[in-house]
Amino acid sequence: MYSAVTRNIEVQVRPFYLEDRSDPSENRYVWGYQITIDNQSDEFVQLLSRYWHITDGTGRVEEVSGPGVVGDQPELNPGDSYQYTSGCPLSTPSGIMVGRYTMRNKRGETFDIAIPAFSLDLPGTRRTVN
């Protein structure tokens, strides 16, 4: 489990390898990741957009951004949590993802919260994420 806290909003990530969707003979490796956003702050927030910086095992970088997550722009009152699961295909057996969510509070202020860096590694192997 990987975790980061920004402005008392915690983002936890649990990555997992999807063997049934992967085909190493075709250089296709697929991971899922479950994210929990826990609003530990004392203010209402809404997730507006996401940004991902994905690096595969050869150092190739892909950047992904867009509105919301899995078709949703969740609203979280103080004490609320939101959880979703998504996935990431790579052409290498390992990689690293890191990112941020852009949030908005009731006053209309926007700010970014960190998605912690997490590694995507085949089961039985593991690298350190710095």
N, C-alpha and C. Protein backbone atom coordinates (compact mmCIF):
# COMPACT_ATOMS: atom_id res chain seq x y z
N MET A 1 0.85 -1.18 0.00
CA MET A 1 0.00 0.00 0.00
C MET A 1 0.89 1.23 0.00
N TYR A 2 0.55 2.19 -0.84
CA TYR A 2 1.27 3.45 -0.94
C TYR A 2 0.32 4.56 -0.49
N SER A 3 0.86 5.60 0.14
CA SER A 3 0.00 6.63 0.70
C SER A 3 0.66 8.01 0.63
N ALA A 4 -0.15 9.03 0.39
CA ALA A 4 0.31 10.42 0.43
C ALA A 4 -0.83 11.27 1.01
N VAL A 5 -0.46 12.30 1.78
CA VAL A 5 -1.46 13.20 2.36
C VAL A 5 -1.14 14.62 1.94
N THR A 6 -2.13 15.30 1.38
CA THR A 6 -2.03 16.71 0.99
C THR A 6 -3.25 17.43 1.55
N ARG A 7 -3.02 18.49 2.30
CA ARG A 7 -4.13 19.29 2.87
C ARG A 7 -5.14 18.41 3.60
N ASN A 8 -4.62 17.43 4.33
CA ASN A 8 -5.45 16.50 5.11
C ASN A 8 -6.38 15.64 4.25
N ILE A 9 -5.99 15.43 3.01
CA ILE A 9 -6.70 14.49 2.14
C ILE A 9 -5.71 13.39 1.81
N GLU A 10 -6.04 12.16 2.23
CA GLU A 10 -5.13 11.04 2.03
C GLU A 10 -5.52 10.26 0.77
N VAL A 11 -4.50 9.93 -0.02
CA VAL A 11 -4.68 9.08 -1.20
C VAL A 11 -3.88 7.81 -0.96
N GLN A 12 -4.56 6.67 -0.97
CA GLN A 12 -3.90 5.37 -0.81
C GLN A 12 -4.04 4.59 -2.11
N VAL A 13 -2.97 3.89 -2.48
CA VAL A 13 -2.96 3.11 -3.73
C VAL A 13 -2.52 1.68 -3.42
N ARG A 14 -3.27 0.74 -3.97
CA ARG A 14 -2.91 -0.68 -3.88
C ARG A 14 -2.87 -1.24 -5.30
N PRO A 15 -1.65 -1.38 -5.88
CA PRO A 15 -1.54 -1.96 -7.23
C PRO A 15 -1.56 -3.48 -7.20
N PHE A 16 -1.99 -4.09 -8.30
CA PHE A 16 -1.99 -5.55 -8.40
C PHE A 16 -1.88 -5.95 -9.87
N TYR A 17 -1.16 -7.03 -10.11
CA TYR A 17 -0.92 -7.53 -11.46
C TYR A 17 -2.13 -8.31 -11.95
N LEU A 18 -2.54 -8.09 -13.19
CA LEU A 18 -3.68 -8.78 -13.79
C LEU A 18 -3.17 -9.82 -14.78
N GLU A 19 -2.82 -10.97 -14.26
CA GLU A 19 -2.23 -12.03 -15.07
C GLU A 19 -3.16 -12.46 -16.21
N ASP A 20 -4.47 -12.53 -15.93
CA ASP A 20 -5.43 -12.99 -16.93
C ASP A 20 -5.61 -12.01 -18.09
N ARG A 21 -5.21 -10.76 -17.91
CA ARG A 21 -5.31 -9.76 -18.99
C ARG A 21 -3.95 -9.49 -19.65
N SER A 22 -2.92 -10.11 -19.13
CA SER A 22 -1.56 -9.89 -19.63
C SER A 22 -1.15 -11.01 -20.57
N ASP A 23 -0.23 -10.68 -21.48
CA ASP A 23 0.34 -11.67 -22.39
C ASP A 23 1.81 -11.34 -22.59
N PRO A 24 2.67 -11.85 -21.69
CA PRO A 24 4.10 -11.53 -21.78
C PRO A 24 4.72 -11.87 -23.13
N SER A 25 4.22 -12.91 -23.82
CA SER A 25 4.79 -13.26 -25.12
C SER A 25 4.53 -12.17 -26.16
N GLU A 26 3.53 -11.32 -25.89
CA GLU A 26 3.21 -10.18 -26.77
C GLU A 26 3.63 -8.85 -26.14
N ASN A 27 4.48 -8.92 -25.11
CA ASN A 27 4.92 -7.72 -24.38
C ASN A 27 3.73 -6.89 -23.90
N ARG A 28 2.75 -7.55 -23.33
CA ARG A 28 1.57 -6.88 -22.77
C ARG A 28 1.44 -7.29 -21.31
N TYR A 29 1.63 -6.31 -20.43
CA TYR A 29 1.55 -6.51 -18.98
C TYR A 29 0.51 -5.52 -18.46
N VAL A 30 -0.45 -6.02 -17.72
CA VAL A 30 -1.55 -5.16 -17.27
C VAL A 30 -1.66 -5.20 -15.75
N TRP A 31 -1.76 -4.02 -15.16
CA TRP A 31 -1.95 -3.90 -13.72
C TRP A 31 -3.26 -3.19 -13.45
N GLY A 32 -3.85 -3.56 -12.34
CA GLY A 32 -4.96 -2.81 -11.79
C GLY A 32 -4.44 -2.05 -10.59
N TYR A 33 -5.17 -1.03 -10.20
CA TYR A 33 -4.84 -0.34 -8.96
C TYR A 33 -6.13 0.17 -8.33
N GLN A 34 -6.18 -0.01 -7.02
CA GLN A 34 -7.33 0.46 -6.25
C GLN A 34 -6.90 1.71 -5.50
N ILE A 35 -7.67 2.76 -5.65
CA ILE A 35 -7.36 4.03 -4.99
C ILE A 35 -8.47 4.38 -4.02
N THR A 36 -8.05 4.81 -2.83
CA THR A 36 -8.98 5.33 -1.83
C THR A 36 -8.58 6.77 -1.53
N ILE A 37 -9.54 7.67 -1.66
CA ILE A 37 -9.34 9.08 -1.32
C ILE A 37 -10.14 9.33 -0.05
N ASP A 38 -9.44 9.73 1.01
CA ASP A 38 -10.05 9.90 2.33
C ASP A 38 -9.95 11.37 2.73
N ASN A 39 -11.09 12.04 2.77
CA ASN A 39 -11.12 13.47 3.12
C ASN A 39 -11.08 13.62 4.64
N GLN A 40 -9.87 13.78 5.17
CA GLN A 40 -9.67 13.98 6.60
C GLN A 40 -9.66 15.47 6.97
N SER A 41 -9.94 16.32 5.98
CA SER A 41 -9.95 17.77 6.23
C SER A 41 -11.29 18.19 6.81
N ASP A 42 -11.41 19.46 7.08
CA ASP A 42 -12.68 19.98 7.62
C ASP A 42 -13.47 20.73 6.55
N GLU A 43 -13.16 20.48 5.26
CA GLU A 43 -13.89 21.16 4.20
C GLU A 43 -14.37 20.20 3.13
N PHE A 44 -15.45 20.56 2.47
CA PHE A 44 -15.98 19.85 1.31
C PHE A 44 -14.99 20.01 0.16
N VAL A 45 -14.77 18.91 -0.60
CA VAL A 45 -13.95 18.99 -1.80
C VAL A 45 -14.59 18.15 -2.91
N GLN A 46 -14.30 18.54 -4.14
CA GLN A 46 -14.72 17.78 -5.30
C GLN A 46 -13.50 17.51 -6.17
N LEU A 47 -13.38 16.27 -6.64
CA LEU A 47 -12.29 15.91 -7.54
C LEU A 47 -12.70 16.33 -8.96
N LEU A 48 -11.90 17.23 -9.55
CA LEU A 48 -12.21 17.74 -10.88
C LEU A 48 -11.50 16.97 -11.99
N SER A 49 -10.20 16.69 -11.79
CA SER A 49 -9.42 16.06 -12.85
C SER A 49 -8.26 15.27 -12.27
N ARG A 50 -7.62 14.50 -13.17
CA ARG A 50 -6.49 13.67 -12.77
C ARG A 50 -5.35 13.89 -13.75
N TYR A 51 -4.14 13.62 -13.28
CA TYR A 51 -2.94 13.64 -14.11
C TYR A 51 -2.07 12.47 -13.69
N TRP A 52 -1.61 11.69 -14.66
CA TRP A 52 -0.73 10.56 -14.41
C TRP A 52 0.56 10.72 -15.19
N HIS A 53 1.67 10.38 -14.56
CA HIS A 53 2.99 10.30 -15.18
C HIS A 53 3.42 8.85 -15.05
N ILE A 54 3.43 8.12 -16.17
CA ILE A 54 3.67 6.68 -16.17
C ILE A 54 5.00 6.42 -16.87
N THR A 55 5.89 5.72 -16.19
CA THR A 55 7.19 5.38 -16.75
C THR A 55 7.31 3.87 -16.82
N ASP A 56 7.59 3.34 -18.03
CA ASP A 56 7.73 1.89 -18.14
C ASP A 56 9.16 1.47 -17.81
N GLY A 57 9.43 0.18 -17.89
CA GLY A 57 10.72 -0.36 -17.50
C GLY A 57 11.89 0.09 -18.35
N THR A 58 11.62 0.66 -19.54
CA THR A 58 12.70 1.16 -20.39
C THR A 58 12.90 2.66 -20.22
N GLY A 59 12.08 3.29 -19.37
CA GLY A 59 12.18 4.73 -19.17
C GLY A 59 11.25 5.54 -20.05
N ARG A 60 10.47 4.88 -20.90
CA ARG A 60 9.52 5.60 -21.76
C ARG A 60 8.40 6.18 -20.88
N VAL A 61 8.08 7.45 -21.11
CA VAL A 61 7.09 8.15 -20.29
C VAL A 61 5.82 8.38 -21.08
N GLU A 62 4.70 8.15 -20.42
CA GLU A 62 3.39 8.50 -20.97
C GLU A 62 2.68 9.37 -19.94
N GLU A 63 2.08 10.45 -20.41
CA GLU A 63 1.32 11.32 -19.53
C GLU A 63 -0.15 11.23 -19.91
N VAL A 64 -0.99 11.10 -18.90
CA VAL A 64 -2.43 10.95 -19.10
C VAL A 64 -3.13 11.95 -18.21
N SER A 65 -4.07 12.71 -18.77
CA SER A 65 -4.85 13.63 -17.95
C SER A 65 -6.27 13.68 -18.49
N GLY A 66 -7.17 14.11 -17.63
CA GLY A 66 -8.56 14.21 -18.05
C GLY A 66 -9.46 14.52 -16.89
N PRO A 67 -10.73 14.74 -17.19
CA PRO A 67 -11.69 15.06 -16.13
C PRO A 67 -12.01 13.84 -15.27
N GLY A 68 -12.12 14.07 -13.97
CA GLY A 68 -12.58 13.05 -13.04
C GLY A 68 -11.78 11.76 -13.05
N VAL A 69 -12.39 10.73 -12.49
CA VAL A 69 -11.82 9.39 -12.44
C VAL A 69 -12.93 8.40 -12.77
N VAL A 70 -12.64 7.43 -13.61
CA VAL A 70 -13.60 6.42 -14.06
C VAL A 70 -14.99 7.01 -14.32
N GLY A 71 -15.01 8.15 -15.01
CA GLY A 71 -16.27 8.79 -15.39
C GLY A 71 -16.99 9.53 -14.28
N ASP A 72 -16.34 9.77 -13.17
CA ASP A 72 -16.96 10.40 -12.01
C ASP A 72 -16.13 11.57 -11.53
N GLN A 73 -16.78 12.57 -10.97
CA GLN A 73 -16.12 13.68 -10.29
C GLN A 73 -16.67 13.73 -8.87
N PRO A 74 -16.16 12.81 -8.03
CA PRO A 74 -16.76 12.62 -6.71
C PRO A 74 -16.66 13.86 -5.82
N GLU A 75 -17.69 14.01 -4.99
CA GLU A 75 -17.75 15.06 -3.98
C GLU A 75 -17.56 14.40 -2.63
N LEU A 76 -16.67 14.97 -1.81
CA LEU A 76 -16.39 14.39 -0.51
C LEU A 76 -16.55 15.44 0.58
N ASN A 77 -17.48 15.19 1.48
CA ASN A 77 -17.62 16.02 2.67
C ASN A 77 -16.55 15.60 3.67
N PRO A 78 -16.31 16.41 4.70
CA PRO A 78 -15.35 16.01 5.73
C PRO A 78 -15.70 14.61 6.26
N GLY A 79 -14.69 13.75 6.32
CA GLY A 79 -14.88 12.39 6.81
C GLY A 79 -15.27 11.38 5.75
N ASP A 80 -15.61 11.83 4.53
CA ASP A 80 -16.00 10.92 3.46
C ASP A 80 -14.78 10.28 2.80
N SER A 81 -15.00 9.09 2.26
CA SER A 81 -14.00 8.40 1.45
C SER A 81 -14.61 8.03 0.11
N TYR A 82 -13.76 7.93 -0.89
CA TYR A 82 -14.18 7.51 -2.23
C TYR A 82 -13.17 6.49 -2.71
N GLN A 83 -13.66 5.38 -3.27
CA GLN A 83 -12.75 4.34 -3.73
C GLN A 83 -13.11 3.94 -5.16
N TYR A 84 -12.09 3.71 -5.97
CA TYR A 84 -12.31 3.22 -7.31
C TYR A 84 -11.15 2.34 -7.74
N THR A 85 -11.38 1.57 -8.79
CA THR A 85 -10.36 0.69 -9.34
C THR A 85 -10.21 1.00 -10.82
N SER A 86 -8.97 1.05 -11.28
CA SER A 86 -8.68 1.28 -12.69
C SER A 86 -7.50 0.41 -13.09
N GLY A 87 -6.96 0.63 -14.28
CA GLY A 87 -5.87 -0.20 -14.73
C GLY A 87 -4.90 0.51 -15.64
N CYS A 88 -3.77 -0.15 -15.89
CA CYS A 88 -2.71 0.41 -16.71
C CYS A 88 -1.97 -0.71 -17.46
N PRO A 89 -1.99 -0.67 -18.80
CA PRO A 89 -1.19 -1.64 -19.56
C PRO A 89 0.20 -1.07 -19.82
N LEU A 90 1.19 -1.94 -19.81
CA LEU A 90 2.56 -1.56 -20.17
C LEU A 90 3.11 -2.59 -21.14
N SER A 91 4.15 -2.21 -21.88
CA SER A 91 4.81 -3.15 -22.78
C SER A 91 6.05 -3.75 -22.13
N THR A 92 6.30 -3.41 -20.86
CA THR A 92 7.43 -3.95 -20.10
C THR A 92 6.90 -4.57 -18.81
N PRO A 93 7.67 -5.48 -18.18
CA PRO A 93 7.18 -6.15 -16.97
C PRO A 93 7.26 -5.31 -15.70
N SER A 94 7.63 -4.06 -15.82
CA SER A 94 7.65 -3.19 -14.64
C SER A 94 7.46 -1.74 -15.07
N GLY A 95 7.11 -0.92 -14.09
CA GLY A 95 6.93 0.50 -14.34
C GLY A 95 6.62 1.23 -13.05
N ILE A 96 6.47 2.53 -13.18
CA ILE A 96 6.16 3.38 -12.03
C ILE A 96 5.09 4.38 -12.46
N MET A 97 4.13 4.61 -11.57
CA MET A 97 3.11 5.62 -11.80
C MET A 97 3.14 6.62 -10.65
N VAL A 98 2.89 7.87 -10.95
CA VAL A 98 2.75 8.94 -9.97
C VAL A 98 1.81 9.97 -10.58
N GLY A 99 1.15 10.75 -9.74
CA GLY A 99 0.23 11.72 -10.32
C GLY A 99 -0.33 12.69 -9.31
N ARG A 100 -1.43 13.31 -9.73
CA ARG A 100 -2.10 14.28 -8.86
C ARG A 100 -3.56 14.41 -9.29
N TYR A 101 -4.37 14.80 -8.31
CA TYR A 101 -5.76 15.14 -8.57
C TYR A 101 -5.91 16.63 -8.36
N THR A 102 -6.69 17.27 -9.21
CA THR A 102 -7.06 18.67 -9.00
C THR A 102 -8.41 18.67 -8.31
N MET A 103 -8.46 19.36 -7.18
CA MET A 103 -9.65 19.41 -6.35
C MET A 103 -10.19 20.84 -6.31
N ARG A 104 -11.46 20.97 -5.91
CA ARG A 104 -12.06 22.29 -5.70
C ARG A 104 -12.83 22.26 -4.39
N ASN A 105 -12.70 23.32 -3.60
CA ASN A 105 -13.46 23.40 -2.35
C ASN A 105 -14.71 24.25 -2.56
N LYS A 106 -15.49 24.43 -1.49
CA LYS A 106 -16.77 25.17 -1.58
C LYS A 106 -16.57 26.64 -1.94
N ARG A 107 -15.39 27.18 -1.62
CA ARG A 107 -15.11 28.59 -1.95
C ARG A 107 -14.68 28.75 -3.42
N GLY A 108 -14.61 27.64 -4.15
CA GLY A 108 -14.23 27.69 -5.55
C GLY A 108 -12.74 27.66 -5.79
N GLU A 109 -11.94 27.50 -4.72
CA GLU A 109 -10.49 27.42 -4.87
C GLU A 109 -10.12 26.04 -5.41
N THR A 110 -9.19 26.01 -6.35
CA THR A 110 -8.69 24.73 -6.84
C THR A 110 -7.27 24.52 -6.31
N PHE A 111 -6.94 23.26 -6.09
CA PHE A 111 -5.61 22.90 -5.60
C PHE A 111 -5.35 21.45 -5.97
N ASP A 112 -4.07 21.08 -6.01
CA ASP A 112 -3.68 19.72 -6.36
C ASP A 112 -3.36 18.92 -5.10
N ILE A 113 -3.71 17.64 -5.14
CA ILE A 113 -3.29 16.72 -4.10
C ILE A 113 -2.48 15.61 -4.75
N ALA A 114 -1.49 15.10 -4.03
CA ALA A 114 -0.56 14.12 -4.58
C ALA A 114 -1.14 12.72 -4.60
N ILE A 115 -0.87 12.02 -5.71
CA ILE A 115 -1.05 10.58 -5.78
C ILE A 115 0.36 10.02 -5.60
N PRO A 116 0.58 9.18 -4.59
CA PRO A 116 1.95 8.72 -4.33
C PRO A 116 2.50 7.90 -5.49
N ALA A 117 3.82 7.95 -5.67
CA ALA A 117 4.47 7.09 -6.65
C ALA A 117 4.30 5.65 -6.20
N PHE A 118 3.98 4.77 -7.15
CA PHE A 118 3.87 3.35 -6.83
C PHE A 118 4.43 2.52 -7.97
N SER A 119 4.99 1.37 -7.61
CA SER A 119 5.64 0.52 -8.60
C SER A 119 4.67 -0.53 -9.13
N LEU A 120 4.86 -0.86 -10.38
CA LEU A 120 4.13 -1.93 -11.05
C LEU A 120 5.17 -2.98 -11.39
N ASP A 121 5.14 -4.08 -10.68
CA ASP A 121 6.14 -5.13 -10.86
C ASP A 121 5.46 -6.48 -10.90
N LEU A 122 6.01 -7.38 -11.72
CA LEU A 122 5.49 -8.73 -11.75
C LEU A 122 5.57 -9.35 -10.36
N PRO A 123 4.63 -10.18 -10.00
CA PRO A 123 4.69 -10.85 -8.70
C PRO A 123 6.04 -11.56 -8.52
N GLY A 124 6.60 -11.44 -7.33
CA GLY A 124 7.88 -12.06 -7.04
C GLY A 124 9.07 -11.14 -7.29
N THR A 125 8.82 -9.98 -7.88
CA THR A 125 9.88 -8.98 -8.08
C THR A 125 9.38 -7.67 -7.49
N ARG A 126 10.29 -6.85 -7.04
CA ARG A 126 9.86 -5.56 -6.50
C ARG A 126 11.03 -4.59 -6.51
N ARG A 127 10.76 -3.40 -6.99
CA ARG A 127 11.76 -2.34 -6.98
C ARG A 127 11.35 -1.31 -5.95
N THR A 128 12.29 -0.50 -5.53
CA THR A 128 12.01 0.58 -4.61
C THR A 128 11.59 1.82 -5.39
N VAL A 129 10.52 2.47 -4.96
CA VAL A 129 10.06 3.71 -5.58
C VAL A 129 10.60 4.86 -4.77
N ASN A 130 11.31 5.75 -5.42
CA ASN A 130 11.86 6.94 -4.72
C ASN A 130 10.97 8.13 -4.94
